[in-house]
């Protein structure tokens, strides 16, 4: 997508280094960081220098490739296994993270020598990232057909190109609709506590020239009740086989409000986010982040000293609230997930 008129991907490989956009500095500064080691990559995932399920998946794939490329011949396989373990432990909820690691492991397992594995790992990581970008482009192509002229679309968190390799998931249909000259407007939830909507989604939409307004997280129901929302599209971090899905905290209550107000509620995601081995949302591990994210807005503490906080990063929305999943294959109903992806 475009930043000041230039095309960027969120994460890429360049001369044995991983390059990525530092999302912590947006929207006020645009910086590219370089990472070489597994520990640097794991830290970038944990601290949310990179975030968004597909972007994390590509980071995991590139991280594995760099880990394979830098492994010494002595105890080669043990080093690869340790790299995989470290990356998988970075964040527990996003399935793309595990998918990216396992894709590289599967791609190199038939190679006979360390040199062959190193070559295959780099090639496989590039293929993974390219396929991820293409999948998100297809999401936009299919999802844009749901968007009518003059639609007002609600989002939650950031599921745009900065959360993916390119294009995005929830925002990809919006970008396609914009390119089709449809008049559209986007309600952007601020997304406490890290404000990904206010910081990232708004920044993306400004770069793309999409009309929008940032609103407080608890304001969307007001606009839904007044008939000012035509549809809602969100991303996902893990989707169970039955259609339950985990996404940024606050998604569940938005889905309930959408159903109450008879507003179509769609989830946009590539195949890498669907965990068919997970039977239902009750099996999804929910990451609990540091309570300091609740106490502070920037450097300013907003709670009294001594107060305690809880900070779940995600919640689970039951499948009954989902109108459909926007995927590279098209629009899929929750009950048809397993059949669609096991063909």
C-alpha atoms as a PDB file:
ATOM      1  CA  UNK A   1       0.000   0.000   0.000  1.00  0.00           C
ATOM      2  CA  UNK A   2       0.998   3.640  -0.133  1.00  0.00           C
ATOM      3  CA  UNK A   3       2.937   5.836   2.293  1.00  0.00           C
ATOM      4  CA  UNK A   4       3.474   9.336   0.938  1.00  0.00           C
ATOM      5  CA  UNK A   5       2.909   7.955  -2.537  1.00  0.00           C
ATOM      6  CA  UNK A   6       5.445   5.089  -2.243  1.00  0.00           C
ATOM      7  CA  UNK A   7       4.582   1.395  -2.066  1.00  0.00           C
ATOM      8  CA  UNK A   8       5.626  -0.548   1.036  1.00  0.00           C
ATOM      9  CA  UNK A   9       5.026  -3.944   2.526  1.00  0.00           C
ATOM     10  CA  UNK A  10       4.826  -4.254   6.292  1.00  0.00           C
ATOM     11  CA  UNK A  11       7.655  -6.780   6.595  1.00  0.00           C
ATOM     12  CA  UNK A  12      10.241  -8.093   4.140  1.00  0.00           C
ATOM     13  CA  UNK A  13      13.677  -9.718   3.856  1.00  0.00           C
ATOM     14  CA  UNK A  14      16.669  -7.733   2.637  1.00  0.00           C
ATOM     15  CA  UNK A  15      20.332  -8.881   2.636  1.00  0.00           C
ATOM     16  CA  UNK A  16      19.948 -11.427   5.438  1.00  0.00           C
ATOM     17  CA  UNK A  17      18.020  -8.968   7.588  1.00  0.00           C
ATOM     18  CA  UNK A  18      14.332  -8.663   8.305  1.00  0.00           C
ATOM     19  CA  UNK A  19      12.954  -5.213   7.630  1.00  0.00           C
ATOM     20  CA  UNK A  20       9.687  -4.017   9.106  1.00  0.00           C
ATOM     21  CA  UNK A  21       7.714  -0.855   9.697  1.00  0.00           C
ATOM     22  CA  UNK A  22       7.894   0.177  13.357  1.00  0.00           C
ATOM     23  CA  UNK A  23       4.215   0.355  14.257  1.00  0.00           C
ATOM     24  CA  UNK A  24       4.948   1.779  17.712  1.00  0.00           C
ATOM     25  CA  UNK A  25       5.906   5.147  16.198  1.00  0.00           C
ATOM     26  CA  UNK A  26       2.896   5.573  13.922  1.00  0.00           C
ATOM     27  CA  UNK A  27       1.170   7.850  13.088  1.00  0.00           C
ATOM     28  CA  UNK A  28       3.680  10.511  14.108  1.00  0.00           C
ATOM     29  CA  UNK A  29       6.847   8.978  12.632  1.00  0.00           C
ATOM     30  CA  UNK A  30       7.564   6.446   9.880  1.00  0.00           C
ATOM     31  CA  UNK A  31      10.578   4.255  10.608  1.00  0.00           C
ATOM     32  CA  UNK A  32      11.976   1.038   9.132  1.00  0.00           C
ATOM     33  CA  UNK A  33      13.771  -1.247  11.603  1.00  0.00           C
ATOM     34  CA  UNK A  34      16.254  -4.030  10.809  1.00  0.00           C
ATOM     35  CA  UNK A  35      16.316  -7.312  12.733  1.00  0.00           C
ATOM     36  CA  UNK A  36      18.912 -10.086  12.540  1.00  0.00           C
ATOM     37  CA  UNK A  37      18.505 -12.454  15.483  1.00  0.00           C
ATOM     38  CA  UNK A  38      15.694 -14.609  16.805  1.00  0.00           C
ATOM     39  CA  UNK A  39      15.694 -12.691  20.092  1.00  0.00           C
ATOM     40  CA  UNK A  40      15.262  -9.374  18.248  1.00  0.00           C
ATOM     41  CA  UNK A  41      12.401 -10.813  16.215  1.00  0.00           C
ATOM     42  CA  UNK A  42      10.658 -12.273  19.276  1.00  0.00           C
ATOM     43  CA  UNK A  43      10.986  -8.934  21.084  1.00  0.00           C
ATOM     44  CA  UNK A  44       9.482  -7.100  18.084  1.00  0.00           C
ATOM     45  CA  UNK A  45       6.456  -9.434  18.174  1.00  0.00           C
ATOM     46  CA  UNK A  46       6.013  -9.223  21.955  1.00  0.00           C
ATOM     47  CA  UNK A  47       6.325  -5.437  22.112  1.00  0.00           C
ATOM     48  CA  UNK A  48       4.086  -4.968  19.052  1.00  0.00           C
ATOM     49  CA  UNK A  49       6.632  -3.313  16.795  1.00  0.00           C
ATOM     50  CA  UNK A  50       4.842  -5.667  14.411  1.00  0.00           C
ATOM     51  CA  UNK A  51       1.227  -6.671  15.088  1.00  0.00           C
ATOM     52  CA  UNK A  52      -1.745  -8.015  13.197  1.00  0.00           C
ATOM     53  CA  UNK A  53      -2.184 -11.746  12.641  1.00  0.00           C
ATOM     54  CA  UNK A  54      -1.012 -12.064   8.982  1.00  0.00           C
ATOM     55  CA  UNK A  55       1.927  -9.681   9.580  1.00  0.00           C
ATOM     56  CA  UNK A  56       2.949 -11.737  12.607  1.00  0.00           C
ATOM     57  CA  UNK A  57       2.674 -14.891  10.488  1.00  0.00           C
ATOM     58  CA  UNK A  58       5.023 -13.491   7.837  1.00  0.00           C
ATOM     59  CA  UNK A  59       7.391 -12.255  10.552  1.00  0.00           C
ATOM     60  CA  UNK A  60       7.430 -15.755  12.036  1.00  0.00           C
ATOM     61  CA  UNK A  61       8.191 -17.286   8.623  1.00  0.00           C
ATOM     62  CA  UNK A  62      11.014 -14.826   7.933  1.00  0.00           C
ATOM     63  CA  UNK A  63      12.280 -15.271  11.490  1.00  0.00           C
ATOM     64  CA  UNK A  64      12.444 -19.030  11.036  1.00  0.00           C
ATOM     65  CA  UNK A  65      14.233 -18.590   7.704  1.00  0.00           C
ATOM     66  CA  UNK A  66      16.855 -16.342   9.301  1.00  0.00           C
ATOM     67  CA  UNK A  67      17.202 -18.809  12.167  1.00  0.00           C
ATOM     68  CA  UNK A  68      17.833 -21.650   9.728  1.00  0.00           C
ATOM     69  CA  UNK A  69      20.255 -19.533   7.682  1.00  0.00           C
ATOM     70  CA  UNK A  70      22.334 -18.589  10.736  1.00  0.00           C
ATOM     71  CA  UNK A  71      22.400 -22.042  12.370  1.00  0.00           C
ATOM     72  CA  UNK A  72      25.769 -23.759  12.657  1.00  0.00           C
ATOM     73  CA  UNK A  73      26.318 -27.305  11.416  1.00  0.00           C
ATOM     74  CA  UNK A  74      26.878 -28.598  14.931  1.00  0.00           C
ATOM     75  CA  UNK A  75      23.501 -29.441  16.502  1.00  0.00           C
ATOM     76  CA  UNK A  76      21.793 -27.896  13.472  1.00  0.00           C
ATOM     77  CA  UNK A  77      18.371 -29.495  13.969  1.00  0.00           C
ATOM     78  CA  UNK A  78      18.363 -28.703  17.696  1.00  0.00           C
ATOM     79  CA  UNK A  79      19.019 -25.030  16.915  1.00  0.00           C
ATOM     80  CA  UNK A  80      16.107 -24.976  14.458  1.00  0.00           C
ATOM     81  CA  UNK A  81      13.798 -26.556  17.022  1.00  0.00           C
ATOM     82  CA  UNK A  82      14.837 -23.954  19.615  1.00  0.00           C
ATOM     83  CA  UNK A  83      14.202 -21.112  17.172  1.00  0.00           C
ATOM     84  CA  UNK A  84      10.711 -22.466  16.462  1.00  0.00           C
ATOM     85  CA  UNK A  85       9.991 -22.793  20.188  1.00  0.00           C
ATOM     86  CA  UNK A  86      11.063 -19.195  20.902  1.00  0.00           C
ATOM     87  CA  UNK A  87       9.004 -17.697  18.094  1.00  0.00           C
ATOM     88  CA  UNK A  88       5.894 -19.725  18.934  1.00  0.00           C
ATOM     89  CA  UNK A  89       6.088 -18.514  22.533  1.00  0.00           C
ATOM     90  CA  UNK A  90       6.085 -14.828  21.523  1.00  0.00           C
ATOM     91  CA  UNK A  91       2.270 -14.424  21.520  1.00  0.00           C
ATOM     92  CA  UNK A  92      -0.263 -17.194  22.198  1.00  0.00           C
ATOM     93  CA  UNK A  93      -3.499 -16.153  20.485  1.00  0.00           C
ATOM     94  CA  UNK A  94      -2.712 -15.374  16.822  1.00  0.00           C
ATOM     95  CA  UNK A  95      -2.792 -18.632  14.852  1.00  0.00           C
ATOM     96  CA  UNK A  96      -0.866 -17.109  11.933  1.00  0.00           C
ATOM     97  CA  UNK A  97       2.233 -17.064  14.150  1.00  0.00           C
ATOM     98  CA  UNK A  98       2.182 -20.850  14.491  1.00  0.00           C
ATOM     99  CA  UNK A  99       1.162 -21.282  10.854  1.00  0.00           C
ATOM    100  CA  UNK A 100       4.201 -19.288   9.665  1.00  0.00           C
ATOM    101  CA  UNK A 101       6.655 -21.276  11.795  1.00  0.00           C
ATOM    102  CA  UNK A 102       5.206 -24.639  10.763  1.00  0.00           C
ATOM    103  CA  UNK A 103       5.182 -23.649   7.081  1.00  0.00           C
ATOM    104  CA  UNK A 104       8.967 -23.213   7.150  1.00  0.00           C
ATOM    105  CA  UNK A 105       9.524 -26.412   9.132  1.00  0.00           C
ATOM    106  CA  UNK A 106       7.404 -28.381   6.666  1.00  0.00           C
ATOM    107  CA  UNK A 107       9.177 -26.779   3.703  1.00  0.00           C
ATOM    108  CA  UNK A 108      12.661 -27.871   4.797  1.00  0.00           C
ATOM    109  CA  UNK A 109      12.008 -31.285   6.328  1.00  0.00           C
ATOM    110  CA  UNK A 110      12.739 -33.203   3.099  1.00  0.00           C
ATOM    111  CA  UNK A 111      16.130 -31.504   2.561  1.00  0.00           C
ATOM    112  CA  UNK A 112      19.157 -33.692   3.215  1.00  0.00           C
ATOM    113  CA  UNK A 113      21.818 -31.165   4.205  1.00  0.00           C
ATOM    114  CA  UNK A 114      21.971 -27.923   6.236  1.00  0.00           C
ATOM    115  CA  UNK A 115      22.904 -26.010   3.074  1.00  0.00           C
ATOM    116  CA  UNK A 116      19.804 -27.275   1.289  1.00  0.00           C
ATOM    117  CA  UNK A 117      17.638 -26.401   4.281  1.00  0.00           C
ATOM    118  CA  UNK A 118      19.039 -22.869   4.392  1.00  0.00           C
ATOM    119  CA  UNK A 119      18.253 -22.268   0.725  1.00  0.00           C
ATOM    120  CA  UNK A 120      14.787 -23.777   1.020  1.00  0.00           C
ATOM    121  CA  UNK A 121      13.945 -21.799   4.160  1.00  0.00           C
ATOM    122  CA  UNK A 122      14.620 -18.415   2.542  1.00  0.00           C
ATOM    123  CA  UNK A 123      12.713 -19.420  -0.584  1.00  0.00           C
ATOM    124  CA  UNK A 124       9.778 -20.711   1.489  1.00  0.00           C
ATOM    125  CA  UNK A 125       9.597 -17.521   3.585  1.00  0.00           C
ATOM    126  CA  UNK A 126       9.387 -15.355   0.474  1.00  0.00           C
ATOM    127  CA  UNK A 127       6.697 -17.653  -0.938  1.00  0.00           C
ATOM    128  CA  UNK A 128       4.755 -17.428   2.344  1.00  0.00           C
ATOM    129  CA  UNK A 129       4.824 -13.632   2.363  1.00  0.00           C
ATOM    130  CA  UNK A 130       3.833 -13.375  -1.301  1.00  0.00           C
ATOM    131  CA  UNK A 131       0.966 -15.831  -0.822  1.00  0.00           C
ATOM    132  CA  UNK A 132      -0.216 -13.914   2.249  1.00  0.00           C
ATOM    133  CA  UNK A 133      -0.293 -10.630   0.327  1.00  0.00           C
ATOM    134  CA  UNK A 134      -2.169 -12.273  -2.550  1.00  0.00           C
ATOM    135  CA  UNK A 135      -4.697 -13.811  -0.152  1.00  0.00           C
ATOM    136  CA  UNK A 136      -5.461 -10.405   1.337  1.00  0.00           C
ATOM    137  CA  UNK A 137      -5.873  -8.958  -2.139  1.00  0.00           C
ATOM    138  CA  UNK A 138      -8.460 -11.656  -2.895  1.00  0.00           C
ATOM    139  CA  UNK A 139     -10.236 -10.803   0.369  1.00  0.00           C
ATOM    140  CA  UNK A 140     -10.567  -7.258  -0.907  1.00  0.00           C
ATOM    141  CA  UNK A 141     -11.860  -8.422  -4.268  1.00  0.00           C
ATOM    142  CA  UNK A 142     -14.574 -10.609  -2.732  1.00  0.00           C
ATOM    143  CA  UNK A 143     -15.443  -8.296   0.126  1.00  0.00           C
ATOM    144  CA  UNK A 144     -15.872  -5.199  -2.022  1.00  0.00           C
ATOM    145  CA  UNK A 145     -18.901  -6.851  -3.629  1.00  0.00           C
ATOM    146  CA  UNK A 146     -20.684  -6.549  -0.265  1.00  0.00           C
ATOM    147  CA  UNK A 147     -20.103  -2.799  -0.106  1.00  0.00           C
ATOM    148  CA  UNK A 148     -22.705  -0.620  -1.791  1.00  0.00           C
ATOM    149  CA  UNK A 149     -22.281   3.004  -2.780  1.00  0.00           C
ATOM    150  CA  UNK A 150     -22.684   5.423   0.157  1.00  0.00           C
ATOM    151  CA  UNK A 151     -22.139   2.652   2.726  1.00  0.00           C
ATOM    152  CA  UNK A 152     -21.037   3.584   6.233  1.00  0.00           C
ATOM    153  CA  UNK A 153     -18.762   0.828   7.525  1.00  0.00           C
ATOM    154  CA  UNK A 154     -17.612   0.231  11.103  1.00  0.00           C
ATOM    155  CA  UNK A 155     -14.272  -1.301  12.074  1.00  0.00           C
ATOM    156  CA  UNK A 156     -12.588  -2.287  15.332  1.00  0.00           C
ATOM    157  CA  UNK A 157      -8.829  -2.326  15.979  1.00  0.00           C
ATOM    158  CA  UNK A 158      -6.580  -2.256  12.908  1.00  0.00           C
ATOM    159  CA  UNK A 159      -6.888  -4.948  10.270  1.00  0.00           C
ATOM    160  CA  UNK A 160      -5.425  -2.981   7.395  1.00  0.00           C
ATOM    161  CA  UNK A 161      -2.276  -3.406   5.357  1.00  0.00           C
ATOM    162  CA  UNK A 162      -0.062  -2.543   8.347  1.00  0.00           C
ATOM    163  CA  UNK A 163      -1.513  -5.631  10.080  1.00  0.00           C
ATOM    164  CA  UNK A 164      -0.711  -7.838   7.086  1.00  0.00           C
ATOM    165  CA  UNK A 165       2.032  -8.131   4.478  1.00  0.00           C
ATOM    166  CA  UNK A 166      -0.080  -5.957   2.188  1.00  0.00           C
ATOM    167  CA  UNK A 167      -3.718  -4.938   1.508  1.00  0.00           C
ATOM    168  CA  UNK A 168      -5.111  -5.936   4.901  1.00  0.00           C
ATOM    169  CA  UNK A 169      -8.078  -8.073   5.896  1.00  0.00           C
ATOM    170  CA  UNK A 170     -10.986  -5.941   7.167  1.00  0.00           C
ATOM    171  CA  UNK A 171      -9.764  -2.860   5.309  1.00  0.00           C
ATOM    172  CA  UNK A 172      -8.942  -4.634   2.039  1.00  0.00           C
ATOM    173  CA  UNK A 173     -12.593  -4.617   0.832  1.00  0.00           C
ATOM    174  CA  UNK A 174     -12.742  -0.915   1.713  1.00  0.00           C
ATOM    175  CA  UNK A 175      -9.646  -0.175  -0.357  1.00  0.00           C
ATOM    176  CA  UNK A 176     -11.093  -2.119  -3.280  1.00  0.00           C
ATOM    177  CA  UNK A 177     -14.402  -0.265  -2.985  1.00  0.00           C
ATOM    178  CA  UNK A 178     -12.515   3.038  -2.969  1.00  0.00           C
ATOM    179  CA  UNK A 179     -10.703   2.027  -6.171  1.00  0.00           C
ATOM    180  CA  UNK A 180     -14.094   1.200  -7.695  1.00  0.00           C
ATOM    181  CA  UNK A 181     -15.082   4.837  -7.041  1.00  0.00           C
ATOM    182  CA  UNK A 182     -17.706   3.923  -4.465  1.00  0.00           C
ATOM    183  CA  UNK A 183     -18.522   6.645  -1.991  1.00  0.00           C
ATOM    184  CA  UNK A 184     -17.809   5.137   1.439  1.00  0.00           C
ATOM    185  CA  UNK A 185     -17.342   6.291   5.014  1.00  0.00           C
ATOM    186  CA  UNK A 186     -15.649   4.424   7.871  1.00  0.00           C
ATOM    187  CA  UNK A 187     -16.337   4.593  11.602  1.00  0.00           C
ATOM    188  CA  UNK A 188     -12.979   3.929  13.310  1.00  0.00           C
ATOM    189  CA  UNK A 189     -13.098   2.678  16.903  1.00  0.00           C
ATOM    190  CA  UNK A 190     -10.144   4.084  18.848  1.00  0.00           C
ATOM    191  CA  UNK A 191      -9.442   0.583  20.295  1.00  0.00           C
ATOM    192  CA  UNK A 192      -8.277   0.976  23.874  1.00  0.00           C
ATOM    193  CA  UNK A 193      -5.880   0.377  25.456  1.00  0.00           C
ATOM    194  CA  UNK A 194      -3.262   0.585  22.656  1.00  0.00           C
ATOM    195  CA  UNK A 195      -5.363   2.723  20.304  1.00  0.00           C
ATOM    196  CA  UNK A 196      -4.652   0.791  17.108  1.00  0.00           C
ATOM    197  CA  UNK A 197      -7.753   2.241  15.469  1.00  0.00           C
ATOM    198  CA  UNK A 198      -6.965   5.850  16.342  1.00  0.00           C
ATOM    199  CA  UNK A 199      -3.271   5.518  15.513  1.00  0.00           C
ATOM    200  CA  UNK A 200      -3.064   3.006  12.666  1.00  0.00           C
ATOM    201  CA  UNK A 201      -6.435   2.635  10.934  1.00  0.00           C
ATOM    202  CA  UNK A 202      -6.928   6.383  10.720  1.00  0.00           C
ATOM    203  CA  UNK A 203      -3.356   6.814   9.408  1.00  0.00           C
ATOM    204  CA  UNK A 204      -3.957   4.198   6.708  1.00  0.00           C
ATOM    205  CA  UNK A 205      -7.279   5.675   5.654  1.00  0.00           C
ATOM    206  CA  UNK A 206      -5.746   9.134   5.403  1.00  0.00           C
ATOM    207  CA  UNK A 207      -3.005   7.763   3.137  1.00  0.00           C
ATOM    208  CA  UNK A 208      -5.671   6.119   0.976  1.00  0.00           C
ATOM    209  CA  UNK A 209      -7.989   9.121   0.933  1.00  0.00           C
ATOM    210  CA  UNK A 210     -10.905   7.279   2.585  1.00  0.00           C
ATOM    211  CA  UNK A 211     -13.401   9.437   4.515  1.00  0.00           C
ATOM    212  CA  UNK A 212     -13.672   8.415   8.154  1.00  0.00           C
ATOM    213  CA  UNK A 213     -14.122   9.540  11.743  1.00  0.00           C
ATOM    214  CA  UNK A 214     -12.371   8.225  14.854  1.00  0.00           C
ATOM    215  CA  UNK A 215     -14.803   7.525  17.711  1.00  0.00           C
ATOM    216  CA  UNK A 216     -14.511   6.332  21.291  1.00  0.00           C
ATOM    217  CA  UNK A 217     -14.871   2.570  21.720  1.00  0.00           C
ATOM    218  CA  UNK A 218     -18.181   2.962  23.539  1.00  0.00           C
ATOM    219  CA  UNK A 219     -19.721   5.290  20.926  1.00  0.00           C
ATOM    220  CA  UNK A 220     -20.439   2.818  18.121  1.00  0.00           C
ATOM    221  CA  UNK A 221     -23.710   1.571  19.624  1.00  0.00           C
ATOM    222  CA  UNK A 222     -24.993   5.143  19.515  1.00  0.00           C
ATOM    223  CA  UNK A 223     -24.442   5.355  15.760  1.00  0.00           C
ATOM    224  CA  UNK A 224     -25.820   1.852  15.179  1.00  0.00           C
ATOM    225  CA  UNK A 225     -29.068   2.691  16.962  1.00  0.00           C
ATOM    226  CA  UNK A 226     -29.416   5.892  14.929  1.00  0.00           C
ATOM    227  CA  UNK A 227     -29.155   3.913  11.675  1.00  0.00           C
ATOM    228  CA  UNK A 228     -25.790   5.401  10.716  1.00  0.00           C
ATOM    229  CA  UNK A 229     -23.939   2.095  10.267  1.00  0.00           C
ATOM    230  CA  UNK A 230     -24.640  -0.125   7.240  1.00  0.00           C
ATOM    231  CA  UNK A 231     -22.190  -2.953   7.954  1.00  0.00           C
ATOM    232  CA  UNK A 232     -19.262  -3.905  10.144  1.00  0.00           C
ATOM    233  CA  UNK A 233     -16.044  -5.665   9.105  1.00  0.00           C
ATOM    234  CA  UNK A 234     -13.369  -6.845  11.544  1.00  0.00           C
ATOM    235  CA  UNK A 235     -10.283  -9.017  11.306  1.00  0.00           C
ATOM    236  CA  UNK A 236      -9.424 -12.059  13.421  1.00  0.00           C
ATOM    237  CA  UNK A 237      -6.475 -13.569  15.243  1.00  0.00           C
ATOM    238  CA  UNK A 238      -7.750 -17.156  15.374  1.00  0.00           C
ATOM    239  CA  UNK A 239     -10.898 -18.738  13.962  1.00  0.00           C
ATOM    240  CA  UNK A 240     -12.108 -22.065  15.317  1.00  0.00           C
ATOM    241  CA  UNK A 241     -13.607 -24.811  13.174  1.00  0.00           C
ATOM    242  CA  UNK A 242     -17.139 -23.975  14.365  1.00  0.00           C
ATOM    243  CA  UNK A 243     -16.846 -20.269  13.445  1.00  0.00           C
ATOM    244  CA  UNK A 244     -16.132 -18.853  16.893  1.00  0.00           C
ATOM    245  CA  UNK A 245     -13.253 -16.399  16.585  1.00  0.00           C
ATOM    246  CA  UNK A 246     -10.830 -14.370  18.672  1.00  0.00           C
ATOM    247  CA  UNK A 247     -10.137 -10.756  17.845  1.00  0.00           C
ATOM    248  CA  UNK A 248      -9.096  -7.587  19.664  1.00  0.00           C
ATOM    249  CA  UNK A 249     -10.830  -7.052  22.989  1.00  0.00           C
ATOM    250  CA  UNK A 250     -14.159  -5.301  22.456  1.00  0.00           C
ATOM    251  CA  UNK A 251     -15.069  -7.202  19.291  1.00  0.00           C
ATOM    252  CA  UNK A 252     -17.611  -9.419  21.071  1.00  0.00           C
ATOM    253  CA  UNK A 253     -19.695  -6.516  22.347  1.00  0.00           C
ATOM    254  CA  UNK A 254     -19.655  -4.897  18.879  1.00  0.00           C
ATOM    255  CA  UNK A 255     -20.926  -8.138  17.335  1.00  0.00           C
ATOM    256  CA  UNK A 256     -23.775  -8.348  19.855  1.00  0.00           C
ATOM    257  CA  UNK A 257     -24.742  -4.732  19.142  1.00  0.00           C
ATOM    258  CA  UNK A 258     -24.634  -5.351  15.398  1.00  0.00           C
ATOM    259  CA  UNK A 259     -26.999  -8.308  15.692  1.00  0.00           C
ATOM    260  CA  UNK A 260     -29.360  -6.366  17.967  1.00  0.00           C
ATOM    261  CA  UNK A 261     -29.472  -3.540  15.408  1.00  0.00           C
ATOM    262  CA  UNK A 262     -29.758  -5.902  12.394  1.00  0.00           C
ATOM    263  CA  UNK A 263     -26.410  -4.792  10.947  1.00  0.00           C
ATOM    264  CA  UNK A 264     -24.400  -7.327   8.886  1.00  0.00           C
ATOM    265  CA  UNK A 265     -21.247  -8.341  10.758  1.00  0.00           C
ATOM    266  CA  UNK A 266     -18.388  -9.774   8.674  1.00  0.00           C
ATOM    267  CA  UNK A 267     -14.997 -11.196   9.609  1.00  0.00           C
ATOM    268  CA  UNK A 268     -12.184 -10.935   7.035  1.00  0.00           C
ATOM    269  CA  UNK A 269      -9.306 -13.417   7.253  1.00  0.00           C
ATOM    270  CA  UNK A 270      -6.944 -15.555   5.131  1.00  0.00           C
ATOM    271  CA  UNK A 271      -6.664 -19.332   5.422  1.00  0.00           C
ATOM    272  CA  UNK A 272      -3.717 -18.964   7.826  1.00  0.00           C
ATOM    273  CA  UNK A 273      -6.037 -17.593  10.533  1.00  0.00           C
ATOM    274  CA  UNK A 274      -8.399 -20.595  10.496  1.00  0.00           C
ATOM    275  CA  UNK A 275      -7.366 -23.211  13.053  1.00  0.00           C
ATOM    276  CA  UNK A 276      -9.341 -26.307  12.081  1.00  0.00           C
ATOM    277  CA  UNK A 277      -7.740 -28.207  14.953  1.00  0.00           C
ATOM    278  CA  UNK A 278      -9.498 -25.870  17.373  1.00  0.00           C
ATOM    279  CA  UNK A 279     -13.082 -27.063  17.766  1.00  0.00           C
ATOM    280  CA  UNK A 280     -14.571 -23.958  19.396  1.00  0.00           C
ATOM    281  CA  UNK A 281     -13.734 -20.601  20.903  1.00  0.00           C
ATOM    282  CA  UNK A 282     -13.512 -22.107  24.376  1.00  0.00           C
ATOM    283  CA  UNK A 283     -10.184 -23.676  23.329  1.00  0.00           C
ATOM    284  CA  UNK A 284      -8.583 -20.387  22.249  1.00  0.00           C
ATOM    285  CA  UNK A 285      -5.911 -19.119  24.629  1.00  0.00           C
ATOM    286  CA  UNK A 286      -6.490 -15.443  25.419  1.00  0.00           C
ATOM    287  CA  UNK A 287      -3.355 -13.396  25.954  1.00  0.00           C
ATOM    288  CA  UNK A 288      -3.344 -11.235  29.078  1.00  0.00           C
ATOM    289  CA  UNK A 289      -0.991  -8.284  28.640  1.00  0.00           C
ATOM    290  CA  UNK A 290       0.703  -6.047  31.197  1.00  0.00           C
ATOM    291  CA  UNK A 291      -1.723  -3.995  33.281  1.00  0.00           C
ATOM    292  CA  UNK A 292       0.410  -0.918  32.654  1.00  0.00           C
ATOM    293  CA  UNK A 293      -1.277  -0.610  29.246  1.00  0.00           C
ATOM    294  CA  UNK A 294      -4.496   0.170  31.133  1.00  0.00           C
ATOM    295  CA  UNK A 295      -2.990   2.513  33.708  1.00  0.00           C
ATOM    296  CA  UNK A 296      -1.145   4.735  31.241  1.00  0.00           C
ATOM    297  CA  UNK A 297      -2.058   6.663  28.093  1.00  0.00           C
ATOM    298  CA  UNK A 298       1.339   7.482  26.648  1.00  0.00           C
ATOM    299  CA  UNK A 299       3.440   8.676  29.580  1.00  0.00           C
ATOM    300  CA  UNK A 300       0.435   9.900  31.568  1.00  0.00           C
ATOM    301  CA  UNK A 301      -1.080   7.701  34.276  1.00  0.00           C
ATOM    302  CA  UNK A 302      -4.884   7.901  34.242  1.00  0.00           C
ATOM    303  CA  UNK A 303      -5.649   5.602  37.199  1.00  0.00           C
ATOM    304  CA  UNK A 304      -4.837   6.263  40.862  1.00  0.00           C
ATOM    305  CA  UNK A 305      -1.641   4.723  42.230  1.00  0.00           C
ATOM    306  CA  UNK A 306      -2.422   1.442  43.904  1.00  0.00           C
ATOM    307  CA  UNK A 307      -5.323   0.601  41.580  1.00  0.00           C
ATOM    308  CA  UNK A 308      -5.258  -2.842  39.958  1.00  0.00           C
ATOM    309  CA  UNK A 309      -6.198  -3.565  36.345  1.00  0.00           C
ATOM    310  CA  UNK A 310      -6.881  -6.519  34.044  1.00  0.00           C
ATOM    311  CA  UNK A 311      -5.829  -6.426  30.425  1.00  0.00           C
ATOM    312  CA  UNK A 312      -7.066  -9.239  28.157  1.00  0.00           C
ATOM    313  CA  UNK A 313      -5.792  -8.487  24.641  1.00  0.00           C
ATOM    314  CA  UNK A 314      -8.569 -10.435  22.880  1.00  0.00           C
ATOM    315  CA  UNK A 315     -12.068 -11.774  23.357  1.00  0.00           C
ATOM    316  CA  UNK A 316     -14.000 -14.570  21.665  1.00  0.00           C
ATOM    317  CA  UNK A 317     -17.112 -13.900  19.583  1.00  0.00           C
ATOM    318  CA  UNK A 318     -19.477 -16.868  19.059  1.00  0.00           C
ATOM    319  CA  UNK A 319     -20.217 -17.891  15.476  1.00  0.00           C
ATOM    320  CA  UNK A 320     -23.929 -17.030  15.829  1.00  0.00           C
ATOM    321  CA  UNK A 321     -23.054 -13.333  15.559  1.00  0.00           C
ATOM    322  CA  UNK A 322     -21.113 -13.695  12.297  1.00  0.00           C
ATOM    323  CA  UNK A 323     -22.939 -12.975   9.035  1.00  0.00           C
ATOM    324  CA  UNK A 324     -20.066 -14.434   7.053  1.00  0.00           C
ATOM    325  CA  UNK A 325     -16.303 -14.779   6.728  1.00  0.00           C
ATOM    326  CA  UNK A 326     -14.669 -12.862   3.880  1.00  0.00           C
ATOM    327  CA  UNK A 327     -11.870 -15.142   2.674  1.00  0.00           C
ATOM    328  CA  UNK A 328      -9.679 -15.595  -0.418  1.00  0.00           C
ATOM    329  CA  UNK A 329     -12.184 -18.269  -1.485  1.00  0.00           C
ATOM    330  CA  UNK A 330     -15.162 -15.941  -1.189  1.00  0.00           C
ATOM    331  CA  UNK A 331     -17.811 -15.443   1.496  1.00  0.00           C
ATOM    332  CA  UNK A 332     -18.115 -18.465   3.793  1.00  0.00           C
ATOM    333  CA  UNK A 333     -20.808 -19.078   6.400  1.00  0.00           C
ATOM    334  CA  UNK A 334     -19.585 -20.256   9.840  1.00  0.00           C
ATOM    335  CA  UNK A 335     -21.094 -23.728   9.412  1.00  0.00           C
ATOM    336  CA  UNK A 336     -19.239 -24.207   6.110  1.00  0.00           C
ATOM    337  CA  UNK A 337     -15.682 -23.474   7.319  1.00  0.00           C
ATOM    338  CA  UNK A 338     -14.407 -27.038   7.576  1.00  0.00           C
ATOM    339  CA  UNK A 339     -15.915 -28.070   4.254  1.00  0.00           C
ATOM    340  CA  UNK A 340     -14.485 -25.008   2.483  1.00  0.00           C
ATOM    341  CA  UNK A 341     -10.908 -25.358   3.704  1.00  0.00           C
ATOM    342  CA  UNK A 342     -10.572 -29.136   3.602  1.00  0.00           C
ATOM    343  CA  UNK A 343     -11.385 -29.432  -0.087  1.00  0.00           C
END
